[in-house]
Amino acid sequence: EFVGGISRSSVLTYYSDSVKGRFD
């Protein structure tokens, strides 16, 4: 399962709902 991702130059970051607010 997807946990989180960060795009080039950190323009975008996505997190799964289960880790949002806890993972960075």
PDB file of all heavy atoms in Angstrom:
ATOM      1  N   GLU A   1       0.822  -1.201   0.000  1.00  0.00           N
ATOM      2  CA  GLU A   1       0.000   0.000   0.000  1.00  0.00           C
ATOM      3  C   GLU A   1       0.858   1.254   0.000  1.00  0.00           C
ATOM      4  O   GLU A   1       1.961   1.283   0.558  1.00  0.00           O
ATOM      5  CB  GLU A   1      -0.944   0.030   1.213  1.00  0.00           C
ATOM      6  CG  GLU A   1      -0.255   0.116   2.553  1.00  0.00           C
ATOM      7  CD  GLU A   1      -1.228   0.367   3.696  1.00  0.00           C
ATOM      8  OE1 GLU A   1      -2.386   0.718   3.450  1.00  0.00           O
ATOM      9  OE2 GLU A   1      -0.790   0.225   4.869  1.00  0.00           O
ATOM     10  N   PHE A   2       0.335   2.288  -0.606  1.00  0.00           N
ATOM     11  CA  PHE A   2       0.980   3.589  -0.680  1.00  0.00           C
ATOM     12  C   PHE A   2       0.967   4.235   0.698  1.00  0.00           C
ATOM     13  O   PHE A   2      -0.065   4.268   1.372  1.00  0.00           O
ATOM     14  CB  PHE A   2       0.237   4.454  -1.694  1.00  0.00           C
ATOM     15  CG  PHE A   2       0.730   5.864  -1.830  1.00  0.00           C
ATOM     16  CD1 PHE A   2       1.819   6.161  -2.620  1.00  0.00           C
ATOM     17  CD2 PHE A   2       0.073   6.902  -1.172  1.00  0.00           C
ATOM     18  CE1 PHE A   2       2.264   7.469  -2.753  1.00  0.00           C
ATOM     19  CE2 PHE A   2       0.505   8.204  -1.298  1.00  0.00           C
ATOM     20  CZ  PHE A   2       1.604   8.493  -2.091  1.00  0.00           C
ATOM     21  N   VAL A   3       2.123   4.753   1.109  1.00  0.00           N
ATOM     22  CA  VAL A   3       2.233   5.464   2.379  1.00  0.00           C
ATOM     23  C   VAL A   3       2.309   6.970   2.141  1.00  0.00           C
ATOM     24  O   VAL A   3       1.577   7.754   2.732  1.00  0.00           O
ATOM     25  CB  VAL A   3       3.477   5.006   3.159  1.00  0.00           C
ATOM     26  CG1 VAL A   3       3.690   5.852   4.412  1.00  0.00           C
ATOM     27  CG2 VAL A   3       3.366   3.528   3.523  1.00  0.00           C
ATOM     28  N   GLY A   4       3.204   7.360   1.256  1.00  0.00           N
ATOM     29  CA  GLY A   4       3.360   8.782   0.963  1.00  0.00           C
ATOM     30  C   GLY A   4       4.316   8.971  -0.195  1.00  0.00           C
ATOM     31  O   GLY A   4       5.083   8.072  -0.534  1.00  0.00           O
ATOM     32  N   GLY A   5       4.275  10.139  -0.808  1.00  0.00           N
ATOM     33  CA  GLY A   5       5.144  10.440  -1.926  1.00  0.00           C
ATOM     34  C   GLY A   5       5.501  11.904  -1.954  1.00  0.00           C
ATOM     35  O   GLY A   5       4.781  12.747  -1.411  1.00  0.00           O
ATOM     36  N   ILE A   6       6.619  12.183  -2.609  1.00  0.00           N
ATOM     37  CA  ILE A   6       7.086  13.566  -2.731  1.00  0.00           C
ATOM     38  C   ILE A   6       7.589  13.758  -4.152  1.00  0.00           C
ATOM     39  O   ILE A   6       8.345  12.950  -4.678  1.00  0.00           O
ATOM     40  CB  ILE A   6       8.180  13.873  -1.678  1.00  0.00           C
ATOM     41  CG1 ILE A   6       8.584  15.338  -1.710  1.00  0.00           C
ATOM     42  CG2 ILE A   6       9.388  12.950  -1.820  1.00  0.00           C
ATOM     43  CD1 ILE A   6       9.395  15.762  -0.479  1.00  0.00           C
ATOM     44  N   SER A   7       7.107  14.807  -4.777  1.00  0.00           N
ATOM     45  CA  SER A   7       7.455  15.032  -6.173  1.00  0.00           C
ATOM     46  C   SER A   7       8.818  15.713  -6.292  1.00  0.00           C
ATOM     47  O   SER A   7       9.421  16.127  -5.296  1.00  0.00           O
ATOM     48  CB  SER A   7       6.375  15.884  -6.842  1.00  0.00           C
ATOM     49  OG  SER A   7       6.393  17.210  -6.315  1.00  0.00           O
ATOM     50  N   ARG A   8       9.283  15.827  -7.505  1.00  0.00           N
ATOM     51  CA  ARG A   8      10.501  16.591  -7.749  1.00  0.00           C
ATOM     52  C   ARG A   8      10.353  17.990  -7.175  1.00  0.00           C
ATOM     53  O   ARG A   8       9.274  18.576  -7.225  1.00  0.00           O
ATOM     54  CB  ARG A   8      10.767  16.693  -9.251  1.00  0.00           C
ATOM     55  CG  ARG A   8      11.341  15.464  -9.867  1.00  0.00           C
ATOM     56  CD  ARG A   8      11.823  15.739 -11.265  1.00  0.00           C
ATOM     57  NE  ARG A   8      12.906  16.717 -11.281  1.00  0.00           N
ATOM     58  CZ  ARG A   8      13.708  16.934 -12.305  1.00  0.00           C
ATOM     59  NH1 ARG A   8      13.543  16.243 -13.411  1.00  0.00           N
ATOM     60  NH2 ARG A   8      14.660  17.837 -12.254  1.00  0.00           N
ATOM     61  N   SER A   9      11.407  18.470  -6.640  1.00  0.00           N
ATOM     62  CA  SER A   9      11.468  19.802  -6.034  1.00  0.00           C
ATOM     63  C   SER A   9      10.488  19.980  -4.883  1.00  0.00           C
ATOM     64  O   SER A   9      10.214  21.107  -4.469  1.00  0.00           O
ATOM     65  CB  SER A   9      11.209  20.891  -7.094  1.00  0.00           C
ATOM     66  OG  SER A   9      12.155  20.801  -8.125  1.00  0.00           O
ATOM     67  N   SER A  10       9.938  18.854  -4.412  1.00  0.00           N
ATOM     68  CA  SER A  10       9.035  18.871  -3.242  1.00  0.00           C
ATOM     69  C   SER A  10       7.800  19.744  -3.458  1.00  0.00           C
ATOM     70  O   SER A  10       7.226  20.263  -2.507  1.00  0.00           O
ATOM     71  CB  SER A  10       9.790  19.352  -1.989  1.00  0.00           C
ATOM     72  OG  SER A  10      10.943  18.577  -1.774  1.00  0.00           O
ATOM     73  N   VAL A  11       7.395  19.877  -4.720  1.00  0.00           N
ATOM     74  CA  VAL A  11       6.217  20.697  -5.007  1.00  0.00           C
ATOM     75  C   VAL A  11       4.961  20.059  -4.425  1.00  0.00           C
ATOM     76  O   VAL A  11       4.069  20.732  -3.908  1.00  0.00           O
ATOM     77  CB  VAL A  11       6.082  20.894  -6.536  1.00  0.00           C
ATOM     78  CG1 VAL A  11       4.759  21.545  -6.891  1.00  0.00           C
ATOM     79  CG2 VAL A  11       7.244  21.734  -7.048  1.00  0.00           C
ATOM     80  N   LEU A  12       4.889  18.730  -4.524  1.00  0.00           N
ATOM     81  CA  LEU A  12       3.730  17.998  -4.024  1.00  0.00           C
ATOM     82  C   LEU A  12       4.176  16.958  -3.010  1.00  0.00           C
ATOM     83  O   LEU A  12       5.223  16.334  -3.163  1.00  0.00           O
ATOM     84  CB  LEU A  12       3.015  17.274  -5.164  1.00  0.00           C
ATOM     85  CG  LEU A  12       2.441  18.099  -6.305  1.00  0.00           C
ATOM     86  CD1 LEU A  12       1.892  17.173  -7.393  1.00  0.00           C
ATOM     87  CD2 LEU A  12       1.336  19.023  -5.794  1.00  0.00           C
ATOM     88  N   THR A  13       3.369  16.785  -1.991  1.00  0.00           N
ATOM     89  CA  THR A  13       3.519  15.641  -1.092  1.00  0.00           C
ATOM     90  C   THR A  13       2.131  15.067  -0.851  1.00  0.00           C
ATOM     91  O   THR A  13       1.172  15.817  -0.645  1.00  0.00           O
ATOM     92  CB  THR A  13       4.156  16.001   0.261  1.00  0.00           C
ATOM     93  OG1 THR A  13       3.454  17.104   0.833  1.00  0.00           O
ATOM     94  CG2 THR A  13       5.615  16.350   0.115  1.00  0.00           C
ATOM     95  N   TYR A  14       2.025  13.766  -0.925  1.00  0.00           N
ATOM     96  CA  TYR A  14       0.775  13.059  -0.665  1.00  0.00           C
ATOM     97  C   TYR A  14       1.019  12.043   0.448  1.00  0.00           C
ATOM     98  O   TYR A  14       2.081  11.453   0.538  1.00  0.00           O
ATOM     99  CB  TYR A  14       0.290  12.304  -1.903  1.00  0.00           C
ATOM    100  CG  TYR A  14      -0.101  13.142  -3.087  1.00  0.00           C
ATOM    101  CD1 TYR A  14       0.117  12.682  -4.388  1.00  0.00           C
ATOM    102  CD2 TYR A  14      -0.709  14.381  -2.938  1.00  0.00           C
ATOM    103  CE1 TYR A  14      -0.244  13.425  -5.486  1.00  0.00           C
ATOM    104  CE2 TYR A  14      -1.072  15.134  -4.034  1.00  0.00           C
ATOM    105  CZ  TYR A  14      -0.838  14.659  -5.308  1.00  0.00           C
ATOM    106  OH  TYR A  14      -1.198  15.402  -6.401  1.00  0.00           O
ATOM    107  N   TYR A  15      -0.018  11.827   1.235  1.00  0.00           N
ATOM    108  CA  TYR A  15       0.041  10.821   2.286  1.00  0.00           C
ATOM    109  C   TYR A  15      -1.247  10.015   2.274  1.00  0.00           C
ATOM    110  O   TYR A  15      -2.312  10.523   1.931  1.00  0.00           O
ATOM    111  CB  TYR A  15       0.209  11.471   3.664  1.00  0.00           C
ATOM    112  CG  TYR A  15       1.456  12.308   3.802  1.00  0.00           C
ATOM    113  CD1 TYR A  15       1.432  13.682   3.549  1.00  0.00           C
ATOM    114  CD2 TYR A  15       2.665  11.731   4.180  1.00  0.00           C
ATOM    115  CE1 TYR A  15       2.576  14.448   3.665  1.00  0.00           C
ATOM    116  CE2 TYR A  15       3.814  12.497   4.306  1.00  0.00           C
ATOM    117  CZ  TYR A  15       3.764  13.854   4.041  1.00  0.00           C
ATOM    118  OH  TYR A  15       4.906  14.612   4.153  1.00  0.00           O
ATOM    119  N   SER A  16      -1.144   8.772   2.669  1.00  0.00           N
ATOM    120  CA  SER A  16      -2.360   7.994   2.853  1.00  0.00           C
ATOM    121  C   SER A  16      -3.099   8.523   4.081  1.00  0.00           C
ATOM    122  O   SER A  16      -2.489   9.116   4.984  1.00  0.00           O
ATOM    123  CB  SER A  16      -2.026   6.515   3.028  1.00  0.00           C
ATOM    124  OG  SER A  16      -1.340   6.308   4.258  1.00  0.00           O
ATOM    125  N   ASP A  17      -4.379   8.298   4.114  1.00  0.00           N
ATOM    126  CA  ASP A  17      -5.182   8.780   5.247  1.00  0.00           C
ATOM    127  C   ASP A  17      -4.705   8.181   6.561  1.00  0.00           C
ATOM    128  O   ASP A  17      -4.803   8.810   7.612  1.00  0.00           O
ATOM    129  CB  ASP A  17      -6.654   8.439   5.026  1.00  0.00           C
ATOM    130  CG  ASP A  17      -7.282   9.296   3.938  1.00  0.00           C
ATOM    131  OD1 ASP A  17      -6.698  10.344   3.588  1.00  0.00           O
ATOM    132  OD2 ASP A  17      -8.347   8.897   3.426  1.00  0.00           O
ATOM    133  N   SER A  18      -4.187   6.963   6.511  1.00  0.00           N
ATOM    134  CA  SER A  18      -3.797   6.282   7.743  1.00  0.00           C
ATOM    135  C   SER A  18      -2.555   6.882   8.395  1.00  0.00           C
ATOM    136  O   SER A  18      -2.326   6.656   9.588  1.00  0.00           O
ATOM    137  CB  SER A  18      -3.566   4.793   7.471  1.00  0.00           C
ATOM    138  OG  SER A  18      -2.532   4.628   6.522  1.00  0.00           O
ATOM    139  N   VAL A  19      -1.763   7.647   7.636  1.00  0.00           N
ATOM    140  CA  VAL A  19      -0.533   8.209   8.197  1.00  0.00           C
ATOM    141  C   VAL A  19      -0.525   9.730   8.200  1.00  0.00           C
ATOM    142  O   VAL A  19       0.382  10.351   8.775  1.00  0.00           O
ATOM    143  CB  VAL A  19       0.723   7.698   7.459  1.00  0.00           C
ATOM    144  CG1 VAL A  19       0.733   6.175   7.392  1.00  0.00           C
ATOM    145  CG2 VAL A  19       0.848   8.300   6.073  1.00  0.00           C
ATOM    146  N   LYS A  20      -1.515  10.328   7.579  1.00  0.00           N
ATOM    147  CA  LYS A  20      -1.552  11.785   7.467  1.00  0.00           C
ATOM    148  C   LYS A  20      -1.543  12.417   8.851  1.00  0.00           C
ATOM    149  O   LYS A  20      -2.276  12.001   9.741  1.00  0.00           O
ATOM    150  CB  LYS A  20      -2.799  12.206   6.702  1.00  0.00           C
ATOM    151  CG  LYS A  20      -2.776  13.622   6.164  1.00  0.00           C
ATOM    152  CD  LYS A  20      -4.010  13.871   5.302  1.00  0.00           C
ATOM    153  CE  LYS A  20      -4.034  13.018   4.071  1.00  0.00           C
ATOM    154  NZ  LYS A  20      -5.203  13.285   3.203  1.00  0.00           N
ATOM    155  N   GLY A  21      -0.701  13.412   9.025  1.00  0.00           N
ATOM    156  CA  GLY A  21      -0.577  14.079  10.311  1.00  0.00           C
ATOM    157  C   GLY A  21       0.446  13.443  11.236  1.00  0.00           C
ATOM    158  O   GLY A  21       0.816  14.035  12.257  1.00  0.00           O
ATOM    159  N   ARG A  22       0.878  12.251  10.912  1.00  0.00           N
ATOM    160  CA  ARG A  22       1.873  11.550  11.749  1.00  0.00           C
ATOM    161  C   ARG A  22       3.204  11.370  11.024  1.00  0.00           C
ATOM    162  O   ARG A  22       4.261  11.384  11.650  1.00  0.00           O
ATOM    163  CB  ARG A  22       1.348  10.179  12.168  1.00  0.00           C
ATOM    164  CG  ARG A  22       0.066  10.219  12.976  1.00  0.00           C
ATOM    165  CD  ARG A  22      -0.282   8.825  13.512  1.00  0.00           C
ATOM    166  NE  ARG A  22      -0.557   7.866  12.442  1.00  0.00           N
ATOM    167  CZ  ARG A  22       0.104   6.714  12.284  1.00  0.00           C
ATOM    168  NH1 ARG A  22       1.097   6.391  13.105  1.00  0.00           N
ATOM    169  NH2 ARG A  22      -0.225   5.888  11.300  1.00  0.00           N
ATOM    170  N   PHE A  23       3.148  11.187   9.717  1.00  0.00           N
ATOM    171  CA  PHE A  23       4.350  10.960   8.918  1.00  0.00           C
ATOM    172  C   PHE A  23       4.655  12.214   8.103  1.00  0.00           C
ATOM    173  O   PHE A  23       3.746  12.947   7.695  1.00  0.00           O
ATOM    174  CB  PHE A  23       4.153   9.794   7.958  1.00  0.00           C
ATOM    175  CG  PHE A  23       4.088   8.438   8.608  1.00  0.00           C
ATOM    176  CD1 PHE A  23       3.938   8.282   9.974  1.00  0.00           C
ATOM    177  CD2 PHE A  23       4.160   7.288   7.819  1.00  0.00           C
ATOM    178  CE1 PHE A  23       3.870   7.026  10.554  1.00  0.00           C
ATOM    179  CE2 PHE A  23       4.097   6.032   8.389  1.00  0.00           C
ATOM    180  CZ  PHE A  23       3.950   5.902   9.753  1.00  0.00           C
ATOM    181  N   ASP A  24       5.954  12.410   7.847  1.00  0.00           N
ATOM    182  CA  ASP A  24       6.372  13.595   7.099  1.00  0.00           C
ATOM    183  C   ASP A  24       7.495  13.212   6.139  1.00  0.00           C
ATOM    184  O   ASP A  24       8.476  12.573   6.543  1.00  0.00           O
ATOM    185  CB  ASP A  24       6.850  14.685   8.056  1.00  0.00           C
ATOM    186  CG  ASP A  24       7.239  15.944   7.323  1.00  0.00           C
ATOM    187  OD1 ASP A  24       6.339  16.606   6.771  1.00  0.00           O
ATOM    188  OD2 ASP A  24       8.449  16.266   7.281  1.00  0.00           O
TER     189      ASP A  24
END
